[in-house]
Protein backbone atom coordinates (compact mmCIF):
# COMPACT_ATOMS: atom_id res chain seq x y z
CA MET A 1 -5.05 -11.02 1.66
CA GLN A 2 -3.93 -11.27 -1.94
CA TYR A 3 -5.93 -9.34 -4.49
CA ILE A 4 -6.17 -11.09 -7.86
CA GLY A 5 -8.64 -10.84 -10.72
CA SER A 6 -10.50 -8.00 -12.40
CA TYR A 7 -13.98 -6.83 -11.42
CA LYS A 8 -16.18 -4.29 -13.22
CA ARG A 9 -18.10 -2.15 -10.76
CA ASN A 10 -20.86 0.43 -11.14
CA VAL A 11 -20.43 3.58 -9.09
CA ASP A 12 -23.73 4.62 -7.53
CA SER A 13 -25.02 8.20 -7.19
CA LYS A 14 -23.31 8.52 -3.79
CA ARG A 15 -19.90 7.42 -5.27
CA ARG A 16 -20.02 3.96 -3.67
CA ILE A 17 -18.83 0.68 -5.15
CA VAL A 18 -19.47 -2.84 -3.93
CA PHE A 19 -16.21 -4.42 -2.83
CA PRO A 20 -15.73 -7.82 -4.56
CA SER A 21 -16.81 -10.61 -2.21
CA VAL A 22 -13.81 -12.75 -3.23
CA TRP A 23 -11.58 -10.09 -1.65
CA LYS A 24 -13.59 -9.94 1.55
CA SER A 25 -11.47 -10.11 4.67
CA ASP A 26 -11.40 -8.71 8.17
CA GLN A 27 -10.04 -5.44 6.77
CA LYS A 28 -12.50 -2.56 7.05
CA ASN A 29 -10.15 0.37 6.47
CA PHE A 30 -8.51 1.05 3.13
CA PHE A 31 -6.48 3.87 1.65
CA TRP A 32 -6.88 5.37 -1.84
CA VAL A 33 -3.89 7.00 -3.52
CA GLU A 34 -4.56 9.01 -6.68
CA ARG A 35 -2.38 8.44 -9.70
CA HIS A 36 0.40 10.87 -10.37
CA HIS A 37 2.28 9.52 -13.40
CA GLU A 38 1.15 10.81 -16.76
CA ASP A 39 1.94 7.42 -18.31
CA GLU A 40 -0.87 5.86 -16.23
CA ASP A 41 -3.69 7.46 -18.24
CA ASP A 42 -6.24 4.75 -17.52
CA VAL A 43 -5.30 4.34 -13.84
CA LEU A 44 -7.32 6.53 -11.47
CA GLY A 45 -5.70 5.34 -8.30
CA ARG A 46 -4.65 2.48 -6.09
CA ILE A 47 -6.35 1.06 -3.04
CA TYR A 48 -4.29 -0.43 -0.24
CA SER A 49 -5.48 -2.39 2.78
CA GLU A 50 -4.62 -0.76 6.09
CA SER A 51 -1.84 -3.27 6.79
CA GLU A 52 -0.26 -2.80 3.36
CA TRP A 53 -0.67 0.98 3.66
CA PHE A 54 1.57 1.05 6.74
CA GLU A 55 4.29 -0.81 4.84
CA VAL A 56 4.05 1.54 1.84
CA LYS A 57 4.15 4.72 3.90
CA GLU A 58 7.11 3.51 5.95
CA ALA A 59 9.07 2.80 2.76
CA ILE A 60 8.89 6.46 1.66
CA ASP A 61 11.70 8.31 3.38
CA ASP A 62 12.16 11.36 1.15
CA GLY A 63 10.37 14.39 2.64
CA LYS A 64 9.10 15.83 -0.65
CA GLU A 65 8.00 12.43 -1.89
CA ARG A 66 6.13 11.77 1.38
CA GLU A 67 4.38 15.14 1.18
CA GLU A 68 3.35 14.55 -2.44
CA PHE A 69 2.21 10.98 -1.70
CA PHE A 70 0.08 11.90 1.31
CA SER A 71 -1.47 14.90 -0.47
CA ARG A 72 -2.99 12.40 -2.94
CA SER A 73 -4.24 9.95 -0.28
CA TYR A 74 -7.67 9.35 1.24
CA LYS A 75 -8.94 6.96 3.89
CA LEU A 76 -11.80 4.67 2.81
CA LYS A 77 -13.96 2.43 4.97
CA LEU A 78 -16.17 -0.52 4.10
CA ASP A 79 -19.75 0.00 5.24
CA LYS A 80 -22.10 -2.73 6.51
CA SER A 81 -23.15 -3.50 2.93
CA ASN A 82 -19.53 -4.14 1.85
CA ARG A 83 -19.31 -0.86 -0.11
CA LEU A 84 -16.47 1.65 -0.36
CA LEU A 85 -17.19 5.37 -0.66
CA LEU A 86 -14.86 6.79 -3.31
CA PRO A 87 -13.23 10.25 -3.08
CA LYS A 88 -15.26 13.26 -4.23
CA ASN A 89 -13.12 13.79 -7.32
CA CYS A 90 -14.13 10.38 -8.71
CA THR A 91 -16.98 11.17 -11.10
CA LEU A 92 -17.06 7.97 -13.17
CA LYS A 93 -20.09 5.72 -13.39
CA VAL A 94 -18.22 2.46 -14.09
CA ILE A 95 -14.74 1.35 -13.00
CA ASP A 96 -12.59 -1.74 -13.17
CA MET A 97 -10.96 -3.02 -9.99
CA VAL A 98 -7.78 -4.96 -10.83
CA GLY A 99 -6.06 -7.01 -8.15
CA CYS A 100 -2.26 -6.69 -8.07
CA ILE A 101 -1.57 -9.04 -5.13
CA ASP A 102 -0.80 -6.34 -2.50
CA TYR A 103 -3.02 -3.53 -3.78
CA ILE A 104 -5.92 -2.83 -6.13
CA ILE A 105 -5.73 -0.64 -9.24
CA ILE A 106 -8.81 1.40 -10.12
CA GLN A 107 -9.17 1.96 -13.86
CA ALA A 108 -11.61 3.95 -15.96
CA LEU A 109 -13.83 1.94 -18.30
């Protein structure tokens, strides 16, 4: 699956967003990684499909970097209504989902 395009999404009271139907695939499990660079002020995090997640995590071989990366990661799952439940620390009401081919950037609006 290649993620392209930008989609504005409302976050409901239970922190759920509707996953864009153009990105629909057989993937049900996703992984959220919070931002950690100060120069990414508008980026809240990145979402990876499960298959892409395994490639990303295998590419990190430094112990400290792995620990820091996984401490900012959460597993997400699409529900039957094609919604993702966002992490508890996401308190925004509206976000922008930006496809970057292999992953999705979540930005504040």
